Structure formats: structure tokens, C-alpha cells
């Protein structure tokens, strides 16, 4: 099955966001890392 471009972009965004969460998850204050995870996951 072929995926639409929007679906691929959404999957890349989610996977990128999860990667950022995994990398930044060790911080004492995750909410402080939130602004940095947005551009990295975009």
C-alpha cells in the first residue's frame, strides 16, 4: 500500500518527536526541553 505525502510527513514528525523526547527525556524539567523539541521534530 502506498502512503500519501501527508501520512509520510506525519509519521516522520511523530518519529522525530519521539526521538527528541528520548534524547531530552533525561532532563530534570522536561517542560524546559519542550521548546527545543519542536524545531527538531518538525
N, C-alpha and C. Protein backbone atom coordinates (compact mmCIF):
# COMPACT_ATOMS: atom_id res chain seq x y z
N UNK A 1 0.84 -1.20 0.00
CA UNK A 1 0.00 0.00 0.00
C UNK A 1 0.88 1.25 0.00
N UNK A 2 0.47 2.22 -0.79
CA UNK A 2 1.23 3.47 -0.85
C UNK A 2 0.66 4.46 0.15
N UNK A 3 1.53 5.21 0.76
CA UNK A 3 1.08 6.23 1.70
C UNK A 3 1.12 7.59 1.03
N UNK A 4 0.20 8.44 1.43
CA UNK A 4 0.20 9.79 0.89
C UNK A 4 1.35 10.59 1.49
N UNK A 5 1.69 11.69 0.85
CA UNK A 5 2.78 12.52 1.35
C UNK A 5 2.47 13.03 2.75
N UNK A 6 1.21 13.38 3.00
CA UNK A 6 0.83 13.88 4.33
C UNK A 6 1.05 12.82 5.39
N UNK A 7 0.70 11.57 5.06
CA UNK A 7 0.89 10.48 6.03
C UNK A 7 2.37 10.27 6.31
N UNK A 8 3.20 10.34 5.27
CA UNK A 8 4.64 10.17 5.46
C UNK A 8 5.20 11.30 6.32
N UNK A 9 4.76 12.53 6.06
CA UNK A 9 5.24 13.67 6.85
C UNK A 9 4.81 13.53 8.29
N UNK A 10 3.58 13.06 8.52
CA UNK A 10 3.09 12.88 9.88
C UNK A 10 3.91 11.81 10.60
N UNK A 11 4.21 10.73 9.90
CA UNK A 11 5.00 9.65 10.50
C UNK A 11 6.40 10.14 10.83
N UNK A 12 7.00 10.93 9.93
CA UNK A 12 8.34 11.46 10.19
C UNK A 12 8.31 12.42 11.37
N UNK A 13 7.25 13.23 11.45
CA UNK A 13 7.14 14.19 12.55
C UNK A 13 7.03 13.46 13.88
N UNK A 14 6.19 12.43 13.93
CA UNK A 14 5.99 11.69 15.17
C UNK A 14 7.26 10.96 15.58
N UNK A 15 7.91 10.31 14.61
CA UNK A 15 9.13 9.57 14.94
C UNK A 15 10.23 10.53 15.37
N UNK A 16 10.31 11.68 14.72
CA UNK A 16 11.31 12.67 15.11
C UNK A 16 11.03 13.22 16.49
N UNK A 17 9.74 13.45 16.80
CA UNK A 17 9.38 13.95 18.12
C UNK A 17 9.70 12.93 19.20
N UNK A 18 9.41 11.66 18.92
CA UNK A 18 9.71 10.61 19.90
C UNK A 18 11.21 10.51 20.13
N UNK A 19 11.99 10.71 19.07
CA UNK A 19 13.44 10.67 19.22
C UNK A 19 13.90 11.81 20.11
N UNK A 20 13.33 12.99 19.90
CA UNK A 20 13.70 14.14 20.74
C UNK A 20 13.30 13.89 22.19
N UNK A 21 12.13 13.31 22.39
CA UNK A 21 11.68 13.01 23.75
C UNK A 21 12.64 12.03 24.42
N UNK A 22 13.10 11.05 23.65
CA UNK A 22 14.02 10.07 24.21
C UNK A 22 15.36 10.72 24.56
N UNK A 23 15.82 11.63 23.70
CA UNK A 23 17.11 12.29 23.94
C UNK A 23 17.01 13.29 25.09
N UNK A 24 15.91 14.04 25.11
CA UNK A 24 15.77 15.10 26.11
C UNK A 24 15.06 14.63 27.37
N UNK A 25 14.59 13.38 27.36
CA UNK A 25 13.80 12.88 28.48
C UNK A 25 14.57 12.80 29.78
N UNK A 26 15.90 12.83 29.71
CA UNK A 26 16.70 12.70 30.92
C UNK A 26 16.80 13.99 31.72
N UNK A 27 16.28 15.09 31.17
CA UNK A 27 16.36 16.37 31.86
C UNK A 27 15.45 16.38 33.08
N UNK A 28 15.85 17.11 34.09
CA UNK A 28 15.07 17.17 35.32
C UNK A 28 13.72 17.84 35.07
N UNK A 29 13.71 18.81 34.15
CA UNK A 29 12.46 19.52 33.84
C UNK A 29 12.14 19.35 32.36
N UNK A 30 11.39 18.30 32.01
CA UNK A 30 11.07 18.06 30.59
C UNK A 30 10.38 19.23 29.92
N UNK A 31 9.56 19.99 30.67
CA UNK A 31 8.85 21.11 30.07
C UNK A 31 9.83 22.17 29.58
N UNK A 32 11.01 22.23 30.19
CA UNK A 32 12.01 23.20 29.75
C UNK A 32 12.60 22.79 28.40
N UNK A 33 12.59 21.49 28.11
CA UNK A 33 13.14 20.99 26.86
C UNK A 33 12.12 21.04 25.73
N UNK A 34 10.85 21.27 26.07
CA UNK A 34 9.79 21.24 25.06
C UNK A 34 10.03 22.21 23.90
N UNK A 35 10.42 23.48 24.15
CA UNK A 35 10.63 24.40 23.01
C UNK A 35 11.72 23.91 22.06
N UNK A 36 12.69 23.18 22.58
CA UNK A 36 13.78 22.71 21.74
C UNK A 36 13.36 21.50 20.91
N UNK A 37 12.39 20.74 21.40
CA UNK A 37 11.99 19.52 20.70
C UNK A 37 11.11 19.85 19.49
N UNK A 38 10.47 21.02 19.49
CA UNK A 38 9.56 21.36 18.40
C UNK A 38 10.30 21.52 17.06
N UNK A 39 11.34 22.36 16.97
CA UNK A 39 12.02 22.50 15.68
C UNK A 39 12.75 21.23 15.26
N UNK A 40 13.24 20.47 16.21
CA UNK A 40 13.96 19.24 15.88
C UNK A 40 13.02 18.20 15.30
N UNK A 41 11.77 18.21 15.76
CA UNK A 41 10.82 17.19 15.31
C UNK A 41 10.08 17.63 14.04
N UNK A 42 10.15 18.90 13.73
CA UNK A 42 9.40 19.41 12.58
C UNK A 42 9.96 18.86 11.27
